[in-house]
Amino acid sequence: MLDASFIKAWSTRDPIDNQTGYSDADARVGRAGRTFGLGYKLHLSIDSETMLPLSCFFASANQNEKKHSLTILEKANQVLKNSGAKLRSVIADSQYSHNKIRMAAEAVIPYPANQKRGVNDLLRVDKKFRTYGPEDQKNEYHKRPHIEAVYSFLKTQYSMALNKVRGLGNVACYALYSVLCLVLNREAAENIGRFDKAVSPTYFNT
């Protein structure tokens, strides 16, 4: 699965150029959910079954998801090969709908309304998040909330949303610690046979 998530910068906007950060020159204004904010984006790929991160990339918030999608996919593919696994398909939202991704792997990605109009047997998602198209692709696409859950774990349980550092390198380093904590938490839970504690850092702190 591929997706990106906004990380708020610890800075205000520059009064001269309100698209950049005042005390954080690397931060940029970009999409943050349904609004816009000053910060960065963590571009992440995860395994859809285990919900474990495979690869990640950090960039300023004004950079579109498509720009880094192939880099993320190539890194994820290499990780899978090193572990003896194989990339079966890529699940992502319509932001990732472009030919290079669709040619790189079997794509479970909805076509936006402005792509391939009049074709009825394609995977699509409407404004109310209802899916249309082949049943097998609809079933696969319904797994997409897994990556949103991973971002929620990173921000609420592993402090990724609480960073107070400036600069792309420092923000990336801080966020990587959050990703590492999530992976180690999962490993610890498996080592003691408590799979239900895979995303519960408080269990190992008390």
Foldseek 3Di string as FASTA:
>chain_A
DKDKAWAAALFAADPVDRQAGDVFRQWGWADHDPRIHTGKMKIWDADLPVLATQDIDIHHRHDQNCVCVVVRVVSSQVSQVVVVHGDAEDADECSNDDDVRVVVHPYLYAHPCPPPHPDQQTWHADPVRDIGHDPVSVVVNVSVCSNVVVVVLLVPVLPLNPDNDHYRVVNVVSSVSSSVVLVVLLVVCVVVVNNVRSSPPVVVVD
